[in-house]
């Protein structure tokens, strides 16, 4: 991918969520991949990755959801309804970013009726977020996180979710480059500027790795793309 293309992708990914955003369903007859963005982001944050996954023959559902306005249980139900609307007998895989990983884990824990496939989590706060913990002492910041964001603390939803189902093939890909140094002091030495790398680790993962990527753009990092595609195809985390 050349420099100009990467720049266009970054601009696209930073487009904020808009009131008229709708799910983007591309049926290519291959296995289904549902893409879930992170907090305060929109579907465009996952769109370059969705296109690359689609080029490999997968059907993709790039799903916007009001991450900053509603609590996690409500968001999970919204996602559930959208996936049910396109699910058939094909495996349904998930590729998520940040909060999207917690939404997907919450949904999978409910044993949904479709054929559950694989789960790729990019920069998930599986162990909770130190930033959310810090925000509890700063009411304005805490309020701006929204109900879903406020639930991502060390004592919040991530730590209270059931373990991964034993039959689920799942990986977490974390970053170690902090392009935004604002929160660096409250994070561990290996961090992506928003999430400490160790916070992505949970029992039951089939693979866990840390790459030289930042939180905002880990979805388009070449290593993240390569590993995501390899895992969706084979169930193995590529070296």
Protein backbone atom coordinates (compact mmCIF):
# COMPACT_ATOMS: atom_id res chain seq x y z
CA UNK A 1 0.00 0.00 0.00
CA UNK A 2 1.58 3.32 -1.05
CA UNK A 3 1.80 6.41 1.13
CA UNK A 4 -1.05 8.29 -0.58
CA UNK A 5 -3.36 5.30 -0.25
CA UNK A 6 -2.56 4.97 3.45
CA UNK A 7 -3.25 8.67 3.94
CA UNK A 8 -6.65 8.37 2.23
CA UNK A 9 -7.48 5.41 4.44
CA UNK A 10 -6.55 7.35 7.58
CA UNK A 11 -8.74 10.28 6.59
CA UNK A 12 -11.61 7.89 5.88
CA UNK A 13 -11.17 6.12 9.22
CA UNK A 14 -11.27 9.39 11.17
CA UNK A 15 -14.68 10.36 9.76
CA UNK A 16 -16.93 10.74 12.83
CA UNK A 17 -20.15 8.73 13.22
CA UNK A 18 -23.10 10.39 11.50
CA UNK A 19 -26.82 10.14 12.36
CA UNK A 20 -27.69 8.59 9.00
CA UNK A 21 -25.04 5.85 9.08
CA UNK A 22 -26.35 2.43 8.10
CA UNK A 23 -24.84 -1.05 8.11
CA UNK A 24 -22.83 -1.95 5.02
CA UNK A 25 -23.62 -5.53 4.00
CA UNK A 26 -21.65 -7.04 1.13
CA UNK A 27 -22.69 -10.61 0.35
CA UNK A 28 -19.99 -12.44 -1.56
CA UNK A 29 -21.27 -15.95 -0.74
CA UNK A 30 -18.26 -16.63 1.49
CA UNK A 31 -18.24 -16.91 5.29
CA UNK A 32 -19.62 -13.83 7.06
CA UNK A 33 -17.34 -11.38 8.89
CA UNK A 34 -18.98 -8.80 11.17
CA UNK A 35 -16.81 -5.74 11.84
CA UNK A 36 -17.34 -3.71 15.03
CA UNK A 37 -15.62 -0.36 15.59
CA UNK A 38 -14.56 1.16 18.90
CA UNK A 39 -15.80 3.92 21.20
CA UNK A 40 -16.73 7.24 19.55
CA UNK A 41 -15.91 5.81 16.13
CA UNK A 42 -18.07 5.04 13.08
CA UNK A 43 -18.23 2.26 10.49
CA UNK A 44 -15.66 4.07 8.36
CA UNK A 45 -13.01 3.27 10.99
CA UNK A 46 -13.30 -0.36 9.88
CA UNK A 47 -14.01 0.20 6.18
CA UNK A 48 -10.47 -0.18 4.72
CA UNK A 49 -10.13 -3.48 6.60
CA UNK A 50 -13.62 -4.55 5.52
CA UNK A 51 -12.68 -4.03 1.88
CA UNK A 52 -9.51 -6.08 2.25
CA UNK A 53 -11.40 -8.90 3.95
CA UNK A 54 -13.99 -8.77 1.18
CA UNK A 55 -11.30 -9.05 -1.49
CA UNK A 56 -10.44 -12.44 0.02
CA UNK A 57 -13.96 -13.72 -0.69
CA UNK A 58 -15.60 -13.15 2.69
CA UNK A 59 -19.02 -11.55 3.02
CA UNK A 60 -18.78 -8.51 5.30
CA UNK A 61 -21.17 -6.67 7.58
CA UNK A 62 -19.55 -3.39 8.66
CA UNK A 63 -21.82 -2.37 11.48
CA UNK A 64 -22.23 1.11 12.99
CA UNK A 65 -23.64 1.34 16.50
CA UNK A 66 -24.15 4.33 18.87
CA UNK A 67 -21.14 3.55 21.05
CA UNK A 68 -21.16 6.88 22.92
CA UNK A 69 -24.89 7.03 23.71
CA UNK A 70 -26.05 3.63 24.97
CA UNK A 71 -24.90 1.09 27.57
CA UNK A 72 -23.20 -2.13 26.56
CA UNK A 73 -26.23 -4.46 27.07
CA UNK A 74 -28.35 -2.29 24.75
CA UNK A 75 -25.57 -2.14 22.17
CA UNK A 76 -25.21 -5.92 22.31
CA UNK A 77 -28.91 -6.33 21.56
CA UNK A 78 -28.68 -3.90 18.62
CA UNK A 79 -25.75 -5.83 17.17
CA UNK A 80 -27.54 -9.13 17.76
CA UNK A 81 -30.57 -7.99 15.74
CA UNK A 82 -28.41 -6.78 12.85
CA UNK A 83 -26.43 -10.01 12.69
CA UNK A 84 -29.61 -12.09 12.85
CA UNK A 85 -30.93 -10.19 9.83
CA UNK A 86 -28.13 -11.56 7.61
CA UNK A 87 -27.14 -14.81 9.34
CA UNK A 88 -27.78 -18.13 7.60
CA UNK A 89 -25.96 -21.45 7.80
CA UNK A 90 -22.55 -19.89 7.13
CA UNK A 91 -20.04 -19.28 9.96
CA UNK A 92 -20.23 -15.77 11.42
CA UNK A 93 -16.78 -14.42 12.31
CA UNK A 94 -16.12 -11.16 14.18
CA UNK A 95 -13.29 -8.66 13.68
CA UNK A 96 -13.38 -5.93 16.31
CA UNK A 97 -11.56 -2.85 17.49
CA UNK A 98 -11.29 -1.80 21.14
CA UNK A 99 -14.83 -1.58 22.66
CA UNK A 100 -16.07 -3.68 19.73
CA UNK A 101 -14.24 -6.65 21.26
CA UNK A 102 -16.21 -6.30 24.51
CA UNK A 103 -19.46 -6.07 22.53
CA UNK A 104 -18.56 -9.23 20.59
CA UNK A 105 -17.54 -11.14 23.73
CA UNK A 106 -20.78 -10.13 25.45
CA UNK A 107 -22.78 -11.29 22.44
CA UNK A 108 -20.96 -14.61 22.07
CA UNK A 109 -21.40 -15.29 25.79
CA UNK A 110 -25.16 -15.36 25.16
CA UNK A 111 -24.77 -18.37 22.82
CA UNK A 112 -26.40 -16.72 19.78
CA UNK A 113 -28.36 -18.94 17.38
CA UNK A 114 -26.07 -18.57 14.37
CA UNK A 115 -23.00 -20.67 13.57
CA UNK A 116 -20.28 -18.92 15.58
CA UNK A 117 -16.99 -18.64 13.74
CA UNK A 118 -13.70 -17.01 14.80
CA UNK A 119 -13.01 -13.83 16.72
CA UNK A 120 -10.20 -11.35 16.00
CA UNK A 121 -9.89 -8.58 18.59
CA UNK A 122 -7.71 -5.57 17.79
CA UNK A 123 -6.61 -3.59 20.88
CA UNK A 124 -9.39 -4.89 23.15
CA UNK A 125 -9.52 -3.68 26.80
CA UNK A 126 -10.22 -7.20 28.03
CA UNK A 127 -8.65 -6.41 31.39
CA UNK A 128 -10.35 -3.03 31.72
CA UNK A 129 -8.98 0.43 31.09
CA UNK A 130 -6.70 2.49 33.34
CA UNK A 131 -7.95 5.61 31.55
CA UNK A 132 -11.52 4.87 32.60
CA UNK A 133 -10.30 4.27 36.16
CA UNK A 134 -8.56 7.67 36.10
CA UNK A 135 -11.62 9.39 34.62
CA UNK A 136 -13.68 8.54 37.71
CA UNK A 137 -11.78 11.33 39.49
CA UNK A 138 -12.57 13.76 36.65
CA UNK A 139 -16.38 13.95 36.30
CA UNK A 140 -16.48 15.85 33.00
CA UNK A 141 -14.17 13.39 31.25
CA UNK A 142 -16.03 10.47 32.80
CA UNK A 143 -19.34 11.84 31.51
CA UNK A 144 -17.98 12.33 27.99
CA UNK A 145 -17.05 8.65 27.77
CA UNK A 146 -20.74 7.74 27.61
CA UNK A 147 -22.37 4.79 29.40
CA UNK A 148 -20.49 2.13 27.43
CA UNK A 149 -17.12 3.82 27.89
CA UNK A 150 -17.73 4.33 31.61
CA UNK A 151 -18.31 0.58 32.01
CA UNK A 152 -14.81 -0.32 30.75
CA UNK A 153 -12.98 0.25 34.03
CA UNK A 154 -10.96 -2.38 35.85
CA UNK A 155 -14.04 -3.25 37.92
CA UNK A 156 -16.44 -2.98 34.97
CA UNK A 157 -17.95 -5.19 32.30
CA UNK A 158 -14.74 -6.63 30.77
CA UNK A 159 -13.64 -8.25 34.01
CA UNK A 160 -17.11 -9.62 34.72
CA UNK A 161 -17.68 -11.33 31.38
CA UNK A 162 -17.67 -15.13 31.28
CA UNK A 163 -14.57 -16.82 29.93
CA UNK A 164 -14.30 -17.49 26.22
CA UNK A 165 -16.33 -20.54 25.15
CA UNK A 166 -13.99 -23.52 24.86
CA UNK A 167 -14.94 -24.10 21.22
CA UNK A 168 -14.33 -20.46 20.19
CA UNK A 169 -11.17 -19.72 18.23
CA UNK A 170 -10.10 -16.22 19.24
CA UNK A 171 -6.99 -14.04 19.07
CA UNK A 172 -6.02 -10.60 20.36
CA UNK A 173 -3.62 -8.28 18.53
CA UNK A 174 -2.31 -5.40 20.62
CA UNK A 175 -0.20 -2.34 19.81
CA UNK A 176 2.91 -0.92 21.43
CA UNK A 177 3.24 2.47 19.68
CA UNK A 178 1.73 5.45 21.49
CA UNK A 179 1.11 8.15 18.88
CA UNK A 180 -0.98 10.04 21.46
CA UNK A 181 1.26 10.40 24.55
CA UNK A 182 -1.42 12.13 26.68
CA UNK A 183 -2.22 9.03 28.75
CA UNK A 184 1.16 7.32 28.56
CA UNK A 185 2.06 7.82 32.23
CA UNK A 186 -0.98 5.94 33.49
CA UNK A 187 -0.39 2.97 31.17
CA UNK A 188 2.14 0.15 31.26
CA UNK A 189 5.39 0.47 29.29
CA UNK A 190 3.94 -1.56 26.40
CA UNK A 191 0.88 0.38 25.29
CA UNK A 192 -0.79 1.83 22.19
CA UNK A 193 -1.56 5.21 23.78
CA UNK A 194 -4.99 4.07 24.98
CA UNK A 195 -4.75 0.44 26.11
CA UNK A 196 -1.88 -1.35 27.85
CA UNK A 197 -0.87 -4.35 25.78
CA UNK A 198 -1.25 -6.76 28.70
CA UNK A 199 -4.90 -5.72 29.09
CA UNK A 200 -5.75 -7.66 25.93
CA UNK A 201 -4.76 -11.00 27.41
CA UNK A 202 -7.46 -13.36 28.70
CA UNK A 203 -7.53 -17.15 29.22
CA UNK A 204 -8.70 -19.19 26.27
CA UNK A 205 -7.13 -17.16 23.48
CA UNK A 206 -5.66 -19.21 20.67
CA UNK A 207 -3.15 -16.49 19.97
CA UNK A 208 -1.90 -13.23 21.46
CA UNK A 209 0.62 -10.87 19.92
CA UNK A 210 1.89 -7.29 20.19
CA UNK A 211 2.79 -5.32 17.08
CA UNK A 212 4.27 -1.87 16.39
CA UNK A 213 0.91 -0.16 15.95
CA UNK A 214 -1.02 2.63 17.65
CA UNK A 215 -4.59 2.38 18.94
CA UNK A 216 -6.31 4.60 16.39
CA UNK A 217 -4.99 2.94 13.24
CA UNK A 218 -4.15 -0.62 14.27
CA UNK A 219 -6.92 -1.83 11.92
CA UNK A 220 -4.85 -0.81 8.89
CA UNK A 221 -1.42 -1.86 10.12
CA UNK A 222 0.03 -4.36 7.60
CA UNK A 223 0.82 -6.93 10.29
CA UNK A 224 -2.68 -6.67 11.79
CA UNK A 225 -4.24 -7.11 8.35
CA UNK A 226 -2.03 -10.09 7.49
CA UNK A 227 -2.69 -11.83 10.81
CA UNK A 228 -6.41 -11.13 10.66
CA UNK A 229 -6.79 -12.63 7.19
CA UNK A 230 -4.64 -15.64 8.04
CA UNK A 231 -6.63 -16.37 11.20
CA UNK A 232 -10.00 -15.99 9.49
CA UNK A 233 -8.89 -18.49 6.84
CA UNK A 234 -7.00 -21.05 8.92
CA UNK A 235 -7.71 -20.53 12.61
CA UNK A 236 -3.97 -20.04 13.19
CA UNK A 237 -2.12 -16.89 14.22
CA UNK A 238 0.51 -16.34 11.50
CA UNK A 239 4.08 -15.57 12.61
